[in-house]
Amino acid sequence: MDGIARIDTVAAYFEVWLDPELFPVPKMKVKVLDRANNDFLAVPNLHRWNPASGSPECLSGLGDSIQSALEDLLKHYVADAREQRPDSGYQENDFVWSASEDF
């Protein structure tokens, strides 16, 4: 199609309830896209702020199914949060939300 680079299908939305011992917010949303190259991409609407880079850590998950992309994202998301957790724990301002129009 002229002027269009790619069309992805939104395959699923999930509401993921987070561990209150680790995260300062109760839940996030995950959108899974069925991409034109026949794989799946899972993206959260909540991102950990990286003070060193001054930008959010935008993690995602890939897979050959909706479930595998979701699991890939969540595995890396929780591992990253545990690895980067401040000694005093996270505060809400340690995270940023995606724009509402993206979800």
PDB file of N, CA and C in Angstrom:
ATOM      1  N   MET A   1       0.850  -1.157   0.000  1.00  0.00           N
ATOM      2  CA  MET A   1       0.000   0.000   0.000  1.00  0.00           C
ATOM      3  C   MET A   1       0.910   1.238   0.000  1.00  0.00           C
ATOM      4  N   ASP A   2       0.650   2.136  -0.881  1.00  0.00           N
ATOM      5  CA  ASP A   2       1.476   3.322  -1.028  1.00  0.00           C
ATOM      6  C   ASP A   2       1.440   4.175   0.242  1.00  0.00           C
ATOM      7  N   GLY A   3       2.618   4.505   0.740  1.00  0.00           N
ATOM      8  CA  GLY A   3       2.729   5.359   1.913  1.00  0.00           C
ATOM      9  C   GLY A   3       2.609   4.635   3.244  1.00  0.00           C
ATOM     10  N   ILE A   4       2.374   3.332   3.229  1.00  0.00           N
ATOM     11  CA  ILE A   4       2.247   2.541   4.455  1.00  0.00           C
ATOM     12  C   ILE A   4       3.423   1.576   4.522  1.00  0.00           C
ATOM     13  N   ALA A   5       4.149   1.609   5.619  1.00  0.00           N
ATOM     14  CA  ALA A   5       5.311   0.735   5.773  1.00  0.00           C
ATOM     15  C   ALA A   5       4.925  -0.652   6.280  1.00  0.00           C
ATOM     16  N   ARG A   6       3.946  -0.716   7.195  1.00  0.00           N
ATOM     17  CA  ARG A   6       3.594  -2.009   7.782  1.00  0.00           C
ATOM     18  C   ARG A   6       2.292  -1.862   8.553  1.00  0.00           C
ATOM     19  N   ILE A   7       1.535  -2.926   8.626  1.00  0.00           N
ATOM     20  CA  ILE A   7       0.321  -2.958   9.441  1.00  0.00           C
ATOM     21  C   ILE A   7       0.439  -4.143  10.393  1.00  0.00           C
ATOM     22  N   ASP A   8       0.364  -3.867  11.681  1.00  0.00           N
ATOM     23  CA  ASP A   8       0.372  -4.904  12.701  1.00  0.00           C
ATOM     24  C   ASP A   8      -1.029  -5.011  13.292  1.00  0.00           C
ATOM     25  N   THR A   9      -1.398  -6.203  13.709  1.00  0.00           N
ATOM     26  CA  THR A   9      -2.692  -6.447  14.332  1.00  0.00           C
ATOM     27  C   THR A   9      -2.518  -6.525  15.843  1.00  0.00           C
ATOM     28  N   VAL A  10      -3.387  -5.849  16.585  1.00  0.00           N
ATOM     29  CA  VAL A  10      -3.386  -6.017  18.034  1.00  0.00           C
ATOM     30  C   VAL A  10      -4.060  -7.359  18.309  1.00  0.00           C
ATOM     31  N   ALA A  11      -3.258  -8.313  18.773  1.00  0.00           N
ATOM     32  CA  ALA A  11      -3.751  -9.674  18.969  1.00  0.00           C
ATOM     33  C   ALA A  11      -4.377  -9.874  20.343  1.00  0.00           C
ATOM     34  N   ALA A  12      -3.878  -9.141  21.351  1.00  0.00           N
ATOM     35  CA  ALA A  12      -4.391  -9.333  22.711  1.00  0.00           C
ATOM     36  C   ALA A  12      -3.995  -8.169  23.603  1.00  0.00           C
ATOM     37  N   TYR A  13      -4.808  -7.971  24.622  1.00  0.00           N
ATOM     38  CA  TYR A  13      -4.494  -7.055  25.718  1.00  0.00           C
ATOM     39  C   TYR A  13      -4.566  -7.863  27.004  1.00  0.00           C
ATOM     40  N   PHE A  14      -3.677  -7.569  27.933  1.00  0.00           N
ATOM     41  CA  PHE A  14      -3.682  -8.228  29.234  1.00  0.00           C
ATOM     42  C   PHE A  14      -3.574  -7.181  30.329  1.00  0.00           C
ATOM     43  N   GLU A  15      -4.240  -7.424  31.439  1.00  0.00           N
ATOM     44  CA  GLU A  15      -4.026  -6.654  32.654  1.00  0.00           C
ATOM     45  C   GLU A  15      -3.199  -7.541  33.567  1.00  0.00           C
ATOM     46  N   VAL A  16      -2.004  -7.083  33.903  1.00  0.00           N
ATOM     47  CA  VAL A  16      -1.056  -7.871  34.683  1.00  0.00           C
ATOM     48  C   VAL A  16      -0.956  -7.267  36.079  1.00  0.00           C
ATOM     49  N   TRP A  17      -1.330  -8.049  37.070  1.00  0.00           N
ATOM     50  CA  TRP A  17      -1.272  -7.598  38.462  1.00  0.00           C
ATOM     51  C   TRP A  17       0.131  -7.858  38.986  1.00  0.00           C
ATOM     52  N   LEU A  18       0.746  -6.817  39.534  1.00  0.00           N
ATOM     53  CA  LEU A  18       2.147  -6.859  39.931  1.00  0.00           C
ATOM     54  C   LEU A  18       2.308  -7.168  41.418  1.00  0.00           C
ATOM     55  N   ASP A  19       3.446  -7.752  41.754  1.00  0.00           N
ATOM     56  CA  ASP A  19       3.784  -8.088  43.133  1.00  0.00           C
ATOM     57  C   ASP A  19       4.001  -6.795  43.930  1.00  0.00           C
ATOM     58  N   PRO A  20       3.181  -6.537  44.945  1.00  0.00           N
ATOM     59  CA  PRO A  20       3.322  -5.285  45.703  1.00  0.00           C
ATOM     60  C   PRO A  20       4.614  -5.209  46.517  1.00  0.00           C
ATOM     61  N   GLU A  21       5.276  -6.333  46.719  1.00  0.00           N
ATOM     62  CA  GLU A  21       6.566  -6.325  47.419  1.00  0.00           C
ATOM     63  C   GLU A  21       7.664  -5.749  46.525  1.00  0.00           C
ATOM     64  N   LEU A  22       7.454  -5.782  45.208  1.00  0.00           N
ATOM     65  CA  LEU A  22       8.463  -5.328  44.256  1.00  0.00           C
ATOM     66  C   LEU A  22       8.082  -4.022  43.566  1.00  0.00           C
ATOM     67  N   PHE A  23       6.808  -3.892  43.198  1.00  0.00           N
ATOM     68  CA  PHE A  23       6.371  -2.744  42.394  1.00  0.00           C
ATOM     69  C   PHE A  23       5.491  -1.787  43.201  1.00  0.00           C
ATOM     70  N   PRO A  24       5.598  -0.481  42.934  1.00  0.00           N
ATOM     71  CA  PRO A  24       4.813   0.503  43.682  1.00  0.00           C
ATOM     72  C   PRO A  24       3.406   0.741  43.131  1.00  0.00           C
ATOM     73  N   VAL A  25       3.068   0.102  42.035  1.00  0.00           N
ATOM     74  CA  VAL A  25       1.732   0.234  41.439  1.00  0.00           C
ATOM     75  C   VAL A  25       1.115  -1.157  41.341  1.00  0.00           C
ATOM     76  N   PRO A  26      -0.205  -1.262  41.406  1.00  0.00           N
ATOM     77  CA  PRO A  26      -0.831  -2.582  41.456  1.00  0.00           C
ATOM     78  C   PRO A  26      -0.860  -3.349  40.140  1.00  0.00           C
ATOM     79  N   LYS A  27      -0.966  -2.640  39.010  1.00  0.00           N
ATOM     80  CA  LYS A  27      -1.061  -3.383  37.760  1.00  0.00           C
ATOM     81  C   LYS A  27      -0.578  -2.546  36.591  1.00  0.00           C
ATOM     82  N   MET A  28      -0.337  -3.258  35.495  1.00  0.00           N
ATOM     83  CA  MET A  28       0.015  -2.616  34.233  1.00  0.00           C
ATOM     84  C   MET A  28      -0.744  -3.339  33.132  1.00  0.00           C
ATOM     85  N   LYS A  29      -0.761  -2.741  31.965  1.00  0.00           N
ATOM     86  CA  LYS A  29      -1.365  -3.373  30.799  1.00  0.00           C
ATOM     87  C   LYS A  29      -0.257  -3.820  29.860  1.00  0.00           C
ATOM     88  N   VAL A  30      -0.532  -4.901  29.148  1.00  0.00           N
ATOM     89  CA  VAL A  30       0.384  -5.400  28.126  1.00  0.00           C
ATOM     90  C   VAL A  30      -0.405  -5.556  26.837  1.00  0.00           C
ATOM     91  N   LYS A  31       0.150  -5.026  25.773  1.00  0.00           N
ATOM     92  CA  LYS A  31      -0.442  -5.163  24.441  1.00  0.00           C
ATOM     93  C   LYS A  31       0.443  -6.115  23.647  1.00  0.00           C
ATOM     94  N   VAL A  32      -0.180  -7.090  22.984  1.00  0.00           N
ATOM     95  CA  VAL A  32       0.566  -8.027  22.145  1.00  0.00           C
ATOM     96  C   VAL A  32       0.171  -7.793  20.695  1.00  0.00           C
ATOM     97  N   LEU A  33       1.183  -7.532  19.876  1.00  0.00           N
ATOM     98  CA  LEU A  33       0.975  -7.293  18.449  1.00  0.00           C
ATOM     99  C   LEU A  33       1.351  -8.522  17.643  1.00  0.00           C
ATOM    100  N   ASP A  34       0.508  -8.863  16.677  1.00  0.00           N
ATOM    101  CA  ASP A  34       0.823  -9.879  15.671  1.00  0.00           C
ATOM    102  C   ASP A  34       1.445  -9.097  14.525  1.00  0.00           C
ATOM    103  N   ARG A  35       2.757  -9.227  14.392  1.00  0.00           N
ATOM    104  CA  ARG A  35       3.469  -8.390  13.433  1.00  0.00           C
ATOM    105  C   ARG A  35       3.434  -8.993  12.034  1.00  0.00           C
ATOM    106  N   ALA A  36       3.689  -8.156  11.062  1.00  0.00           N
ATOM    107  CA  ALA A  36       3.602  -8.541   9.654  1.00  0.00           C
ATOM    108  C   ALA A  36       4.555  -9.679   9.303  1.00  0.00           C
ATOM    109  N   ASN A  37       5.646  -9.836  10.072  1.00  0.00           N
ATOM    110  CA  ASN A  37       6.589 -10.922   9.785  1.00  0.00           C
ATOM    111  C   ASN A  37       6.241 -12.203  10.551  1.00  0.00           C
ATOM    112  N   ASN A  38       4.998 -12.294  11.022  1.00  0.00           N
ATOM    113  CA  ASN A  38       4.445 -13.495  11.648  1.00  0.00           C
ATOM    114  C   ASN A  38       5.096 -13.881  12.969  1.00  0.00           C
ATOM    115  N   ASP A  39       5.525 -12.895  13.745  1.00  0.00           N
ATOM    116  CA  ASP A  39       5.887 -13.149  15.122  1.00  0.00           C
ATOM    117  C   ASP A  39       5.078 -12.197  15.996  1.00  0.00           C
ATOM    118  N   PHE A  40       5.219 -12.337  17.289  1.00  0.00           N
ATOM    119  CA  PHE A  40       4.429 -11.550  18.225  1.00  0.00           C
ATOM    120  C   PHE A  40       5.347 -10.701  19.092  1.00  0.00           C
ATOM    121  N   LEU A  41       4.901  -9.488  19.372  1.00  0.00           N
ATOM    122  CA  LEU A  41       5.641  -8.530  20.183  1.00  0.00           C
ATOM    123  C   LEU A  41       4.748  -8.086  21.337  1.00  0.00           C
ATOM    124  N   ALA A  42       5.236  -8.249  22.571  1.00  0.00           N
ATOM    125  CA  ALA A  42       4.492  -7.828  23.764  1.00  0.00           C
ATOM    126  C   ALA A  42       5.151  -6.588  24.346  1.00  0.00           C
ATOM    127  N   VAL A  43       4.346  -5.548  24.605  1.00  0.00           N
ATOM    128  CA  VAL A  43       4.867  -4.296  25.161  1.00  0.00           C
ATOM    129  C   VAL A  43       4.009  -3.860  26.351  1.00  0.00           C
ATOM    130  N   PRO A  44       4.658  -3.427  27.444  1.00  0.00           N
ATOM    131  CA  PRO A  44       3.912  -2.961  28.612  1.00  0.00           C
ATOM    132  C   PRO A  44       3.611  -1.470  28.519  1.00  0.00           C
ATOM    133  N   ASN A  45       2.679  -1.019  29.338  1.00  0.00           N
ATOM    134  CA  ASN A  45       2.406   0.420  29.389  1.00  0.00           C
ATOM    135  C   ASN A  45       3.087   1.085  30.585  1.00  0.00           C
ATOM    136  N   LEU A  46       3.930   0.341  31.288  1.00  0.00           N
ATOM    137  CA  LEU A  46       4.653   0.851  32.449  1.00  0.00           C
ATOM    138  C   LEU A  46       6.135   0.551  32.263  1.00  0.00           C
ATOM    139  N   HIS A  47       6.965   1.582  32.394  1.00  0.00           N
ATOM    140  CA  HIS A  47       8.400   1.442  32.133  1.00  0.00           C
ATOM    141  C   HIS A  47       9.198   1.968  33.319  1.00  0.00           C
ATOM    142  N   ARG A  48      10.274   1.245  33.651  1.00  0.00           N
ATOM    143  CA  ARG A  48      11.161   1.687  34.730  1.00  0.00           C
ATOM    144  C   ARG A  48      12.015   2.844  34.225  1.00  0.00           C
ATOM    145  N   TRP A  49      12.086   3.913  35.010  1.00  0.00           N
ATOM    146  CA  TRP A  49      12.905   5.069  34.668  1.00  0.00           C
ATOM    147  C   TRP A  49      14.363   4.744  34.975  1.00  0.00           C
ATOM    148  N   ASN A  50      15.244   4.995  34.007  1.00  0.00           N
ATOM    149  CA  ASN A  50      16.668   4.774  34.199  1.00  0.00           C
ATOM    150  C   ASN A  50      17.328   6.124  34.475  1.00  0.00           C
ATOM    151  N   PRO A  51      17.705   6.395  35.733  1.00  0.00           N
ATOM    152  CA  PRO A  51      18.283   7.701  36.043  1.00  0.00           C
ATOM    153  C   PRO A  51      19.633   7.934  35.365  1.00  0.00           C
ATOM    154  N   ALA A  52      20.373   6.866  35.080  1.00  0.00           N
ATOM    155  CA  ALA A  52      21.682   7.013  34.434  1.00  0.00           C
ATOM    156  C   ALA A  52      21.542   7.542  33.011  1.00  0.00           C
ATOM    157  N   SER A  53      20.561   7.029  32.277  1.00  0.00           N
ATOM    158  CA  SER A  53      20.377   7.462  30.887  1.00  0.00           C
ATOM    159  C   SER A  53      19.396   8.627  30.775  1.00  0.00           C
ATOM    160  N   GLY A  54      18.593   8.840  31.818  1.00  0.00           N
ATOM    161  CA  GLY A  54      17.590   9.899  31.773  1.00  0.00           C
ATOM    162  C   GLY A  54      16.410   9.569  30.881  1.00  0.00           C
ATOM    163  N   SER A  55      16.150   8.269  30.698  1.00  0.00           N
ATOM    164  CA  SER A  55      15.033   7.846  29.857  1.00  0.00           C
ATOM    165  C   SER A  55      14.461   6.535  30.389  1.00  0.00           C
ATOM    166  N   PRO A  56      13.249   6.191  29.956  1.00  0.00           N
ATOM    167  CA  PRO A  56      12.653   4.937  30.420  1.00  0.00           C
ATOM    168  C   PRO A  56      13.297   3.726  29.756  1.00  0.00           C
ATOM    169  N   GLU A  57      13.308   2.621  30.487  1.00  0.00           N
ATOM    170  CA  GLU A  57      13.743   1.337  29.936  1.00  0.00           C
ATOM    171  C   GLU A  57      12.524   0.713  29.265  1.00  0.00           C
ATOM    172  N   CYS A  58      12.527   0.689  27.961  1.00  0.00           N
ATOM    173  CA  CYS A  58      11.379   0.175  27.212  1.00  0.00           C
ATOM    174  C   CYS A  58      11.633  -1.276  26.833  1.00  0.00           C
ATOM    175  N   LEU A  59      11.243  -2.176  27.723  1.00  0.00           N
ATOM    176  CA  LEU A  59      11.419  -3.604  27.493  1.00  0.00           C
ATOM    177  C   LEU A  59      10.260  -4.136  26.664  1.00  0.00           C
ATOM    178  N   SER A  60      10.509  -5.234  25.965  1.00  0.00           N
ATOM    179  CA  SER A  60       9.457  -5.901  25.198  1.00  0.00           C
ATOM    180  C   SER A  60       9.751  -7.390  25.186  1.00  0.00           C
ATOM    181  N   GLY A  61       8.782  -8.162  24.738  1.00  0.00           N
ATOM    182  CA  GLY A  61       8.950  -9.602  24.624  1.00  0.00           C
ATOM    183  C   GLY A  61       8.616 -10.054  23.221  1.00  0.00           C
ATOM    184  N   LEU A  62       9.338 -11.057  22.760  1.00  0.00           N
ATOM    185  CA  LEU A  62       9.103 -11.626  21.434  1.00  0.00           C
ATOM    186  C   LEU A  62       8.759 -13.099  21.562  1.00  0.00           C
ATOM    187  N   GLY A  63       7.979 -13.594  20.610  1.00  0.00           N
ATOM    188  CA  GLY A  63       7.658 -15.009  20.599  1.00  0.00           C
ATOM    189  C   GLY A  63       6.930 -15.404  19.341  1.00  0.00           C
ATOM    190  N   ASP A  64       6.730 -16.710  19.205  1.00  0.00           N
ATOM    191  CA  ASP A  64       6.015 -17.210  18.033  1.00  0.00           C
ATOM    192  C   ASP A  64       4.530 -17.415  18.319  1.00  0.00           C
ATOM    193  N   SER A  65       4.103 -16.995  19.522  1.00  0.00           N
ATOM    194  CA  SER A  65       2.685 -17.030  19.889  1.00  0.00           C
ATOM    195  C   SER A  65       2.416 -15.878  20.857  1.00  0.00           C
ATOM    196  N   ILE A  66       1.156 -15.595  21.074  1.00  0.00           N
ATOM    197  CA  ILE A  66       0.782 -14.550  22.032  1.00  0.00           C
ATOM    198  C   ILE A  66       1.352 -14.881  23.403  1.00  0.00           C
ATOM    199  N   GLN A  67       1.144 -16.107  23.845  1.00  0.00           N
ATOM    200  CA  GLN A  67       1.583 -16.520  25.179  1.00  0.00           C
ATOM    201  C   GLN A  67       3.097 -16.467  25.328  1.00  0.00           C
ATOM    202  N   SER A  68       3.837 -16.907  24.317  1.00  0.00           N
ATOM    203  CA  SER A  68       5.300 -16.905  24.441  1.00  0.00           C
ATOM    204  C   SER A  68       5.859 -15.486  24.449  1.00  0.00           C
ATOM    205  N   ALA A  69       5.254 -14.574  23.704  1.00  0.00           N
ATOM    206  CA  ALA A  69       5.698 -13.175  23.730  1.00  0.00           C
ATOM    207  C   ALA A  69       5.399 -12.550  25.093  1.00  0.00           C
ATOM    208  N   LEU A  70       4.221 -12.827  25.639  1.00  0.00           N
ATOM    209  CA  LEU A  70       3.850 -12.317  26.960  1.00  0.00           C
ATOM    210  C   LEU A  70       4.812 -12.845  28.024  1.00  0.00           C
ATOM    211  N   GLU A  71       5.074 -14.137  28.009  1.00  0.00           N
ATOM    212  CA  GLU A  71       5.973 -14.735  28.995  1.00  0.00           C
ATOM    213  C   GLU A  71       7.389 -14.193  28.863  1.00  0.00           C
ATOM    214  N   ASP A  72       7.859 -13.985  27.635  1.00  0.00           N
ATOM    215  CA  ASP A  72       9.195 -13.434  27.410  1.00  0.00           C
ATOM    216  C   ASP A  72       9.296 -12.035  28.014  1.00  0.00           C
ATOM    217  N   LEU A  73       8.293 -11.207  27.768  1.00  0.00           N
ATOM    218  CA  LEU A  73       8.279  -9.860  28.343  1.00  0.00           C
ATOM    219  C   LEU A  73       8.289  -9.917  29.865  1.00  0.00           C
ATOM    220  N   LEU A  74       7.378 -10.672  30.453  1.00  0.00           N
ATOM    221  CA  LEU A  74       7.238 -10.670  31.908  1.00  0.00           C
ATOM    222  C   LEU A  74       8.478 -11.216  32.604  1.00  0.00           C
ATOM    223  N   LYS A  75       9.102 -12.223  32.027  1.00  0.00           N
ATOM    224  CA  LYS A  75      10.332 -12.779  32.593  1.00  0.00           C
ATOM    225  C   LYS A  75      11.423 -11.707  32.640  1.00  0.00           C
ATOM    226  N   HIS A  76      11.622 -10.995  31.537  1.00  0.00           N
ATOM    227  CA  HIS A  76      12.651  -9.953  31.488  1.00  0.00           C
ATOM    228  C   HIS A  76      12.265  -8.734  32.334  1.00  0.00           C
ATOM    229  N   TYR A  77      10.990  -8.416  32.362  1.00  0.00           N
ATOM    230  CA  TYR A  77      10.498  -7.249  33.105  1.00  0.00           C
ATOM    231  C   TYR A  77      10.758  -7.412  34.605  1.00  0.00           C
ATOM    232  N   VAL A  78      10.388  -8.563  35.143  1.00  0.00           N
ATOM    233  CA  VAL A  78      10.578  -8.814  36.572  1.00  0.00           C
ATOM    234  C   VAL A  78      12.067  -8.935  36.899  1.00  0.00           C
ATOM    235  N   ALA A  79      12.835  -9.615  36.050  1.00  0.00           N
ATOM    236  CA  ALA A  79      14.277  -9.746  36.286  1.00  0.00           C
ATOM    237  C   ALA A  79      14.948  -8.376  36.304  1.00  0.00           C
ATOM    238  N   ASP A  80      14.580  -7.511  35.370  1.00  0.00           N
ATOM    239  CA  ASP A  80      15.143  -6.160  35.321  1.00  0.00           C
ATOM    240  C   ASP A  80      14.764  -5.375  36.577  1.00  0.00           C
ATOM    241  N   ALA A  81      13.510  -5.464  36.984  1.00  0.00           N
ATOM    242  CA  ALA A  81      13.055  -4.740  38.178  1.00  0.00           C
ATOM    243  C   ALA A  81      13.805  -5.211  39.417  1.00  0.00           C
ATOM    244  N   ARG A  82      14.023  -6.503  39.538  1.00  0.00           N
ATOM    245  CA  ARG A  82      14.757  -7.027  40.702  1.00  0.00           C
ATOM    246  C   ARG A  82      16.223  -6.589  40.673  1.00  0.00           C
ATOM    247  N   GLU A  83      16.822  -6.652  39.512  1.00  0.00           N
ATOM    248  CA  GLU A  83      18.238  -6.300  39.375  1.00  0.00           C
ATOM    249  C   GLU A  83      18.494  -4.823  39.661  1.00  0.00           C
ATOM    250  N   GLN A  84      17.586  -3.963  39.257  1.00  0.00           N
ATOM    251  CA  GLN A  84      17.785  -2.516  39.374  1.00  0.00           C
ATOM    252  C   GLN A  84      17.122  -1.898  40.608  1.00  0.00           C
ATOM    253  N   ARG A  85      16.494  -2.710  41.414  1.00  0.00           N
ATOM    254  CA  ARG A  85      15.726  -2.200  42.562  1.00  0.00           C
ATOM    255  C   ARG A  85      16.613  -1.435  43.540  1.00  0.00           C
ATOM    256  N   PRO A  86      16.225  -0.216  43.878  1.00  0.00           N
ATOM    257  CA  PRO A  86      16.979   0.542  44.886  1.00  0.00           C
ATOM    258  C   PRO A  86      16.873  -0.142  46.257  1.00  0.00           C
ATOM    259  N   ASP A  87      17.851   0.083  47.109  1.00  0.00           N
ATOM    260  CA  ASP A  87      17.841  -0.522  48.446  1.00  0.00           C
ATOM    261  C   ASP A  87      16.577  -0.177  49.219  1.00  0.00           C
ATOM    262  N   SER A  88      16.072   1.024  49.014  1.00  0.00           N
ATOM    263  CA  SER A  88      14.866   1.461  49.725  1.00  0.00           C
ATOM    264  C   SER A  88      13.573   1.040  49.022  1.00  0.00           C
ATOM    265  N   GLY A  89      13.690   0.312  47.916  1.00  0.00           N
ATOM    266  CA  GLY A  89      12.517  -0.098  47.146  1.00  0.00           C
ATOM    267  C   GLY A  89      12.117   0.970  46.145  1.00  0.00           C
ATOM    268  N   TYR A  90      11.210   0.611  45.268  1.00  0.00           N
ATOM    269  CA  TYR A  90      10.746   1.539  44.237  1.00  0.00           C
ATOM    270  C   TYR A  90       9.678   2.487  44.775  1.00  0.00           C
ATOM    271  N   GLN A  91       9.640   3.669  44.185  1.00  0.00           N
ATOM    272  CA  GLN A  91       8.577   4.640  44.393  1.00  0.00           C
ATOM    273  C   GLN A  91       7.855   4.798  43.054  1.00  0.00           C
ATOM    274  N   GLU A  92       6.665   5.358  43.076  1.00  0.00           N
ATOM    275  CA  GLU A  92       5.925   5.535  41.819  1.00  0.00           C
ATOM    276  C   GLU A  92       6.704   6.341  40.796  1.00  0.00           C
ATOM    277  N   ASN A  93       7.486   7.323  41.236  1.00  0.00           N
ATOM    278  CA  ASN A  93       8.225   8.145  40.276  1.00  0.00           C
ATOM    279  C   ASN A  93       9.437   7.431  39.677  1.00  0.00           C
ATOM    280  N   ASP A  94       9.676   6.185  40.066  1.00  0.00           N
ATOM    281  CA  ASP A  94      10.713   5.370  39.428  1.00  0.00           C
ATOM    282  C   ASP A  94      10.191   4.727  38.147  1.00  0.00           C
ATOM    283  N   PHE A  95       8.916   4.953  37.841  1.00  0.00           N
ATOM    284  CA  PHE A  95       8.283   4.374  36.654  1.00  0.00           C
ATOM    285  C   PHE A  95       7.562   5.462  35.876  1.00  0.00           C
ATOM    286  N   VAL A  96       7.433   5.247  34.583  1.00  0.00           N
ATOM    287  CA  VAL A  96       6.670   6.163  33.728  1.00  0.00           C
ATOM    288  C   VAL A  96       5.669   5.343  32.918  1.00  0.00           C
ATOM    289  N   TRP A  97       4.539   5.962  32.634  1.00  0.00           N
ATOM    290  CA  TRP A  97       3.474   5.317  31.871  1.00  0.00           C
ATOM    291  C   TRP A  97       3.603   5.658  30.394  1.00  0.00           C
ATOM    292  N   SER A  98       3.228   4.726  29.547  1.00  0.00           N
ATOM    293  CA  SER A  98       3.118   5.006  28.114  1.00  0.00           C
ATOM    294  C   SER A  98       1.984   5.994  27.891  1.00  0.00           C
ATOM    295  N   ALA A  99       2.006   6.649  26.763  1.00  0.00           N
ATOM    296  CA  ALA A  99       0.910   7.548  26.399  1.00  0.00           C
ATOM    297  C   ALA A  99      -0.381   6.738  26.291  1.00  0.00           C
ATOM    298  N   SER A 100      -1.470   7.300  26.774  1.00  0.00           N
ATOM    299  CA  SER A 100      -2.743   6.570  26.786  1.00  0.00           C
ATOM    300  C   SER A 100      -3.194   6.167  25.386  1.00  0.00           C
ATOM    301  N   GLU A 101      -2.862   6.955  24.378  1.00  0.00           N
ATOM    302  CA  GLU A 101      -3.275   6.597  23.016  1.00  0.00           C
ATOM    303  C   GLU A 101      -2.533   5.373  22.473  1.00  0.00           C
ATOM    304  N   ASP A 102      -1.447   4.966  23.138  1.00  0.00           N
ATOM    305  CA  ASP A 102      -0.731   3.758  22.730  1.00  0.00           C
ATOM    306  C   ASP A 102      -1.403   2.502  23.261  1.00  0.00           C
ATOM    307  N   PHE A 103      -2.356   2.673  24.180  1.00  0.00           N
ATOM    308  CA  PHE A 103      -3.038   1.532  24.763  1.00  0.00           C
ATOM    309  C   PHE A 103      -4.524   1.747  24.735  1.00  0.00           C
TER     310      PHE A 103
END
